[in-house]
Amino acid sequence: MHLALYAPGLGYYANDSLKLGAMPADGSDFVTAPELSSLYGQTLAAQVIEALQHTATHEVWEFGAGSGALAEQVLTTLQAQGVLLERYTIVDVSGSLRQRQQARLAAFGDVVQWADHLPPAMHGVVLGNEVLDAMPVQLLARIDGTWHERGVALGDGGAFMWRDRPTPLRPPLEIEGEHDYVTEIHPQGEAFIRTLGHHLQRGAAFFIDYGFGEDEYYHPQRSMGTLVCHQRHKMDSDPLADVGGKDITAHVNFTGSAVAAQDAGFDILGYTSQGHFLLNCGFTAKTDALTLSQRALAGKLVLEHEMGELFKVLGLCKGVPPWPALGFAHGDRTHRL
Protein backbone atom coordinates (compact mmCIF):
# COMPACT_ATOMS: atom_id res chain seq x y z
CA MET A 1 0.00 0.00 0.00
CA HIS A 2 2.88 2.34 0.76
CA LEU A 3 4.42 1.77 -2.67
CA ALA A 4 1.06 2.10 -4.45
CA LEU A 5 0.52 5.49 -2.82
CA TYR A 6 3.99 6.96 -2.39
CA ALA A 7 6.59 5.28 -4.68
CA PRO A 8 8.49 8.19 -6.33
CA GLY A 9 6.98 9.05 -9.70
CA LEU A 10 4.69 6.02 -9.69
CA GLY A 11 2.63 6.07 -6.50
CA TYR A 12 -0.76 7.74 -6.49
CA TYR A 13 0.35 10.69 -4.37
CA ALA A 14 3.73 10.91 -6.10
CA ASN A 15 2.55 11.25 -9.70
CA ASP A 16 1.09 14.23 -11.56
CA SER A 17 -2.51 13.06 -11.88
CA LEU A 18 -5.27 15.40 -10.72
CA LYS A 19 -6.66 14.07 -7.47
CA LEU A 20 -8.87 16.69 -5.88
CA GLY A 21 -11.86 18.21 -7.63
CA ALA A 22 -15.60 18.58 -7.51
CA MET A 23 -16.59 16.51 -10.56
CA PRO A 24 -15.27 13.51 -12.54
CA ALA A 25 -15.31 15.67 -15.69
CA ASP A 26 -12.29 17.62 -14.45
CA GLY A 27 -10.30 14.38 -14.21
CA SER A 28 -10.29 14.30 -10.41
CA ASP A 29 -10.90 11.29 -8.20
CA PHE A 30 -12.50 12.63 -5.02
CA VAL A 31 -13.62 15.76 -3.24
CA THR A 32 -12.68 16.81 0.29
CA ALA A 33 -14.53 19.17 2.60
CA PRO A 34 -12.45 22.29 1.77
CA GLU A 35 -13.10 21.71 -1.94
CA LEU A 36 -16.82 21.38 -1.28
CA SER A 37 -17.31 24.68 0.54
CA SER A 38 -15.07 27.48 1.77
CA LEU A 39 -17.18 27.52 4.94
CA TYR A 40 -15.25 24.47 6.08
CA GLY A 41 -11.96 26.29 6.56
CA GLN A 42 -13.64 29.51 7.63
CA THR A 43 -15.41 27.65 10.44
CA LEU A 44 -12.41 25.55 11.42
CA ALA A 45 -10.47 28.80 11.73
CA ALA A 46 -12.51 29.69 14.83
CA GLN A 47 -11.06 26.65 16.59
CA VAL A 48 -7.59 27.44 15.27
CA ILE A 49 -7.76 30.97 16.68
CA GLU A 50 -8.88 29.71 20.09
CA ALA A 51 -6.12 27.08 20.13
CA LEU A 52 -3.45 29.63 19.18
CA GLN A 53 -4.59 31.79 22.09
CA HIS A 54 -4.66 28.96 24.64
CA THR A 55 -1.28 27.62 23.58
CA ALA A 56 0.30 31.08 23.21
CA THR A 57 1.72 30.08 19.83
CA HIS A 58 1.82 31.77 16.43
CA GLU A 59 2.27 28.98 13.91
CA VAL A 60 0.00 26.52 12.10
CA TRP A 61 1.22 23.22 10.70
CA GLU A 62 -0.89 21.44 8.10
CA PHE A 63 -0.19 17.87 7.02
CA GLY A 64 -1.36 16.70 3.60
CA ALA A 65 -2.66 20.07 2.42
CA GLY A 66 -4.12 18.81 -0.86
CA SER A 67 -4.79 21.64 -3.30
CA GLY A 68 -4.13 24.27 -0.63
CA ALA A 69 -7.83 25.09 -0.28
CA LEU A 70 -7.95 24.61 3.49
CA ALA A 71 -4.81 26.68 4.02
CA GLU A 72 -6.26 29.47 1.87
CA GLN A 73 -9.54 29.45 3.81
CA VAL A 74 -7.88 29.43 7.23
CA LEU A 75 -5.30 32.09 6.34
CA THR A 76 -7.90 34.37 4.78
CA THR A 77 -10.11 34.10 7.87
CA LEU A 78 -7.23 34.69 10.28
CA GLN A 79 -6.16 37.78 8.33
CA ALA A 80 -9.71 39.13 8.29
CA GLN A 81 -9.84 38.80 12.08
CA GLY A 82 -6.46 40.39 12.63
CA VAL A 83 -4.70 37.23 13.75
CA LEU A 84 -1.07 37.39 12.69
CA LEU A 85 0.85 34.17 12.12
CA GLU A 86 4.60 33.84 12.06
CA ARG A 87 4.32 30.84 9.75
CA TYR A 88 1.86 28.48 8.14
CA THR A 89 3.95 25.40 7.42
CA ILE A 90 2.74 22.68 5.05
CA VAL A 91 4.17 19.17 5.24
CA ASP A 92 3.23 17.19 2.12
CA VAL A 93 4.96 14.27 0.39
CA SER A 94 3.36 15.03 -2.98
CA GLY A 95 5.56 17.16 -5.23
CA SER A 96 2.79 17.79 -7.77
CA LEU A 97 0.39 18.93 -5.06
CA ARG A 98 3.06 21.19 -3.60
CA GLN A 99 3.25 23.04 -6.92
CA ARG A 100 -0.52 23.59 -6.85
CA GLN A 101 -0.31 24.77 -3.25
CA GLN A 102 2.48 27.23 -4.01
CA ALA A 103 0.52 28.76 -6.88
CA ARG A 104 -2.68 29.00 -4.85
CA LEU A 105 -1.06 30.48 -1.76
CA ALA A 106 1.40 32.87 -3.42
CA ALA A 107 -0.58 35.90 -2.20
CA PHE A 108 0.30 35.08 1.42
CA GLY A 109 4.01 35.51 0.75
CA ASP A 110 6.64 34.18 3.11
CA VAL A 111 4.10 33.35 5.81
CA VAL A 112 3.47 30.05 4.01
CA GLN A 113 6.38 27.65 4.00
CA TRP A 114 6.90 24.00 3.09
CA ALA A 115 8.81 21.35 4.99
CA ASP A 116 9.87 17.82 4.10
CA HIS A 117 10.69 16.83 7.68
CA LEU A 118 9.65 17.87 11.16
CA PRO A 119 12.06 20.03 13.15
CA PRO A 120 13.28 18.68 16.51
CA ALA A 121 10.94 21.07 18.35
CA MET A 122 7.57 22.31 17.09
CA HIS A 123 5.12 24.82 18.55
CA GLY A 124 1.69 25.72 17.25
CA VAL A 125 -1.59 24.30 16.01
CA VAL A 126 -1.53 21.18 13.83
CA LEU A 127 -4.23 20.42 11.25
CA GLY A 128 -4.73 17.08 9.54
CA ASN A 129 -7.72 16.89 7.22
CA GLU A 130 -8.07 13.41 5.70
CA VAL A 131 -4.45 12.59 6.51
CA LEU A 132 -4.75 9.54 8.75
CA ASP A 133 -6.92 7.66 6.23
CA ALA A 134 -4.09 7.91 3.68
CA MET A 135 -1.61 6.15 5.97
CA PRO A 136 -0.86 2.57 4.84
CA VAL A 137 -2.58 -0.13 6.87
CA GLN A 138 -1.99 -3.84 7.38
CA LEU A 139 -4.75 -6.25 6.35
CA LEU A 140 -5.72 -9.11 8.65
CA ALA A 141 -8.00 -11.96 7.64
CA ARG A 142 -9.54 -14.57 9.93
CA ILE A 143 -10.06 -17.68 7.81
CA ASP A 144 -11.52 -20.84 9.33
CA GLY A 145 -10.68 -19.49 12.77
CA THR A 146 -7.00 -18.72 12.03
CA TRP A 147 -5.65 -15.19 11.64
CA HIS A 148 -3.55 -14.34 8.58
CA GLU A 149 -1.80 -11.23 7.34
CA ARG A 150 -2.94 -10.48 3.81
CA GLY A 151 -0.13 -9.43 1.49
CA VAL A 152 0.46 -9.04 -2.24
CA ALA A 153 2.25 -11.45 -4.58
CA LEU A 154 2.79 -11.81 -8.33
CA GLY A 155 0.67 -14.39 -10.13
CA ASP A 156 1.84 -16.55 -13.02
CA GLY A 157 0.89 -13.91 -15.57
CA GLY A 158 2.58 -11.10 -13.67
CA ALA A 159 -0.65 -9.73 -12.23
CA PHE A 160 -0.92 -8.81 -8.57
CA MET A 161 -2.79 -11.25 -6.33
CA TRP A 162 -3.56 -11.62 -2.64
CA ARG A 163 -1.49 -14.01 -0.56
CA ASP A 164 -2.24 -14.86 3.07
CA ARG A 165 0.16 -16.16 5.69
CA PRO A 166 -0.48 -17.04 9.34
CA THR A 167 0.42 -14.24 11.71
CA PRO A 168 0.58 -13.50 15.44
CA LEU A 169 -0.90 -10.06 14.69
CA ARG A 170 -4.42 -9.46 15.96
CA PRO A 171 -6.97 -6.66 15.89
CA PRO A 172 -6.96 -4.65 19.13
CA LEU A 173 -10.34 -6.17 20.04
CA GLU A 174 -11.40 -9.80 20.04
CA ILE A 175 -13.87 -10.24 17.18
CA GLU A 176 -16.98 -12.04 18.37
CA GLY A 177 -18.10 -15.11 16.46
CA GLU A 178 -16.26 -17.64 14.34
CA HIS A 179 -17.12 -16.33 10.87
CA ASP A 180 -14.44 -15.30 8.37
CA TYR A 181 -13.46 -11.69 8.91
CA VAL A 182 -11.24 -9.14 7.14
CA THR A 183 -10.10 -5.93 8.82
CA GLU A 184 -7.22 -3.49 9.17
CA ILE A 185 -4.75 -2.42 11.81
CA HIS A 186 -3.05 0.99 11.70
CA PRO A 187 0.55 0.84 12.98
CA GLN A 188 1.81 3.56 10.62
CA GLY A 189 -0.92 6.06 11.42
CA GLU A 190 -0.46 5.52 15.15
CA ALA A 191 3.33 5.80 14.78
CA PHE A 192 2.81 9.12 12.98
CA ILE A 193 0.84 10.48 15.94
CA ARG A 194 3.50 9.31 18.39
CA THR A 195 6.21 10.94 16.27
CA LEU A 196 4.23 14.17 16.18
CA GLY A 197 3.96 14.04 19.96
CA HIS A 198 7.72 13.72 20.32
CA HIS A 199 8.28 16.83 18.17
CA LEU A 200 5.41 19.07 19.33
CA GLN A 201 6.52 20.76 22.54
CA ARG A 202 3.57 23.10 23.03
CA GLY A 203 0.42 23.30 20.97
CA ALA A 204 -2.72 21.55 19.82
CA ALA A 205 -3.70 19.19 17.01
CA PHE A 206 -6.99 18.54 15.23
CA PHE A 207 -7.45 15.49 13.00
CA ILE A 208 -10.56 15.29 10.83
CA ASP A 209 -11.29 12.06 9.01
CA TYR A 210 -13.80 9.31 8.38
CA GLY A 211 -13.68 6.56 10.95
CA PHE A 212 -15.00 5.11 14.17
CA GLY A 213 -14.12 4.27 17.72
CA GLU A 214 -12.71 0.80 18.30
CA ASP A 215 -15.97 -0.91 19.29
CA GLU A 216 -17.66 0.18 16.09
CA TYR A 217 -14.62 -0.35 13.88
CA TYR A 218 -14.24 -3.99 14.90
CA HIS A 219 -17.93 -4.78 15.10
CA PRO A 220 -18.65 -8.45 14.23
CA GLN A 221 -20.82 -7.37 11.30
CA ARG A 222 -18.06 -5.24 9.73
CA SER A 223 -16.60 -8.43 8.31
CA MET A 224 -15.16 -7.01 5.06
CA GLY A 225 -13.14 -4.22 6.64
CA THR A 226 -13.07 -0.62 5.41
CA LEU A 227 -10.35 -0.60 2.72
CA VAL A 228 -11.64 1.10 -0.45
CA CYS A 229 -10.31 2.85 -3.54
CA HIS A 230 -11.38 6.15 -5.10
CA GLN A 231 -11.15 6.92 -8.80
CA ARG A 232 -13.18 9.38 -10.89
CA HIS A 233 -15.50 9.94 -7.91
CA LYS A 234 -16.41 6.25 -7.71
CA MET A 235 -15.47 3.72 -5.06
CA ASP A 236 -14.27 0.17 -5.59
CA SER A 237 -12.76 -2.55 -3.42
CA ASP A 238 -9.92 -3.77 -5.67
CA PRO A 239 -6.61 -2.07 -4.75
CA LEU A 240 -4.71 -4.54 -6.97
CA ALA A 241 -6.16 -3.06 -10.17
CA ASP A 242 -4.69 0.10 -11.74
CA VAL A 243 -2.07 0.37 -9.01
CA GLY A 244 -0.85 3.95 -8.69
CA GLY A 245 -3.82 5.22 -10.65
CA LYS A 246 -6.28 5.49 -7.78
CA ASP A 247 -6.44 6.38 -4.13
CA ILE A 248 -6.39 3.58 -1.55
CA THR A 249 -7.76 4.39 1.86
CA ALA A 250 -9.06 2.88 5.08
CA HIS A 251 -11.19 4.33 7.84
CA VAL A 252 -9.47 5.57 10.99
CA ASN A 253 -9.60 3.72 14.31
CA PHE A 254 -9.89 6.82 16.48
CA THR A 255 -9.47 4.83 19.69
CA GLY A 256 -6.06 3.66 18.52
CA SER A 257 -5.20 7.21 17.46
CA ALA A 258 -6.19 8.59 20.87
CA VAL A 259 -4.21 5.93 22.76
CA ALA A 260 -1.14 6.62 20.61
CA ALA A 261 -1.55 10.33 21.31
CA GLN A 262 -1.74 9.79 25.07
CA ASP A 263 1.33 7.54 24.92
CA ALA A 264 3.17 10.46 23.29
CA GLY A 265 2.18 12.95 25.99
CA PHE A 266 -0.93 14.48 24.45
CA ASP A 267 -4.10 15.23 26.39
CA ILE A 268 -7.45 14.69 24.70
CA LEU A 269 -9.39 17.92 24.10
CA GLY A 270 -12.39 16.14 22.61
CA TYR A 271 -13.80 13.76 20.04
CA THR A 272 -17.01 14.36 18.13
CA SER A 273 -18.63 14.22 14.71
CA GLN A 274 -17.68 16.76 12.06
CA GLY A 275 -21.25 18.02 12.10
CA HIS A 276 -21.21 18.78 15.82
CA PHE A 277 -17.72 20.26 15.59
CA LEU A 278 -18.56 22.72 12.82
CA LEU A 279 -21.87 23.72 14.40
CA ASN A 280 -20.06 24.37 17.69
CA CYS A 281 -17.60 26.59 15.82
CA GLY A 282 -20.32 28.86 14.39
CA PHE A 283 -21.13 27.20 11.08
CA THR A 284 -24.83 28.13 11.00
CA ALA A 285 -24.31 31.89 11.21
CA LYS A 286 -21.86 31.74 8.31
CA THR A 287 -24.46 30.24 5.95
CA ASP A 288 -26.66 33.37 6.00
CA ALA A 289 -24.65 35.08 3.25
CA LEU A 290 -24.68 32.07 0.91
CA THR A 291 -26.78 31.51 -2.17
CA LEU A 292 -29.17 28.56 -2.17
CA SER A 293 -26.79 26.42 -4.22
CA GLN A 294 -23.84 27.32 -1.99
CA ARG A 295 -25.94 26.54 1.08
CA ALA A 296 -26.84 23.13 -0.33
CA LEU A 297 -23.17 22.26 -0.82
CA ALA A 298 -22.18 23.60 2.59
CA GLY A 299 -24.96 21.57 4.19
CA LYS A 300 -23.19 18.37 3.15
CA LEU A 301 -20.50 19.20 5.70
CA VAL A 302 -22.86 18.87 8.67
CA LEU A 303 -25.78 16.68 7.58
CA GLU A 304 -25.72 13.24 9.20
CA HIS A 305 -26.39 11.36 5.96
CA GLU A 306 -23.55 13.22 4.20
CA MET A 307 -20.21 14.07 5.87
CA GLY A 308 -21.56 15.25 9.20
CA GLU A 309 -21.65 11.88 10.98
CA LEU A 310 -19.15 9.62 9.19
CA PHE A 311 -16.37 12.18 9.62
CA LYS A 312 -15.04 12.69 13.14
CA VAL A 313 -12.75 15.23 14.78
CA LEU A 314 -10.12 14.33 17.38
CA GLY A 315 -8.65 17.25 19.31
CA LEU A 316 -5.36 17.02 21.23
CA CYS A 317 -3.10 19.35 23.18
CA LYS A 318 0.41 19.09 24.58
CA GLY A 319 2.52 21.27 26.84
CA VAL A 320 -0.50 23.25 28.05
CA PRO A 321 -3.41 22.37 30.35
CA PRO A 322 -6.47 21.04 28.48
CA TRP A 323 -9.28 23.56 28.09
CA PRO A 324 -12.97 23.26 27.10
CA ALA A 325 -12.31 23.64 23.38
CA LEU A 326 -14.95 25.38 21.29
CA GLY A 327 -15.44 22.57 18.78
CA PHE A 328 -16.38 20.03 21.46
CA ALA A 329 -18.76 22.22 23.49
CA HIS A 330 -21.75 20.04 22.60
CA GLY A 331 -21.82 16.43 21.51
CA ASP A 332 -18.39 15.40 22.83
CA ARG A 333 -17.91 11.62 22.51
CA THR A 334 -14.56 11.18 24.20
CA HIS A 335 -16.17 8.65 26.54
CA ARG A 336 -16.88 6.43 23.51
CA LEU A 337 -13.26 6.12 22.42
Foldseek 3Di string as FASTA:
>chain_A
DCCLQQVACQHQLRHQFAAEDDALVVVHWDHFLLRLALLLLLLVLLLQVVQCVQLVAAEEEEEPCALQSSVVSNVVNCVVVPRHHQAYEYAYSYPNSVVSNCVVCPVVPPRYYYDPDADQADEGEYEYEAPQFQADWWKWKQDQNFIWTWDWDADPVRAIDIDTDGDPDDQPDDQPDRDIAMEIDRPPSLVVLLVVLSHYAWGKYKYKFFADEPCVQRHNVNRHYFKWKTGRNDIDRDCRPPRNRIGITHHDHVNSNVVSNVVSAKDWLFKAFQQLLSVLSPSVVVCPPPDPVSNVSSVLRRDCVHRRHRMMMTMITHNGDHDNRSSPVPGTDPVVD
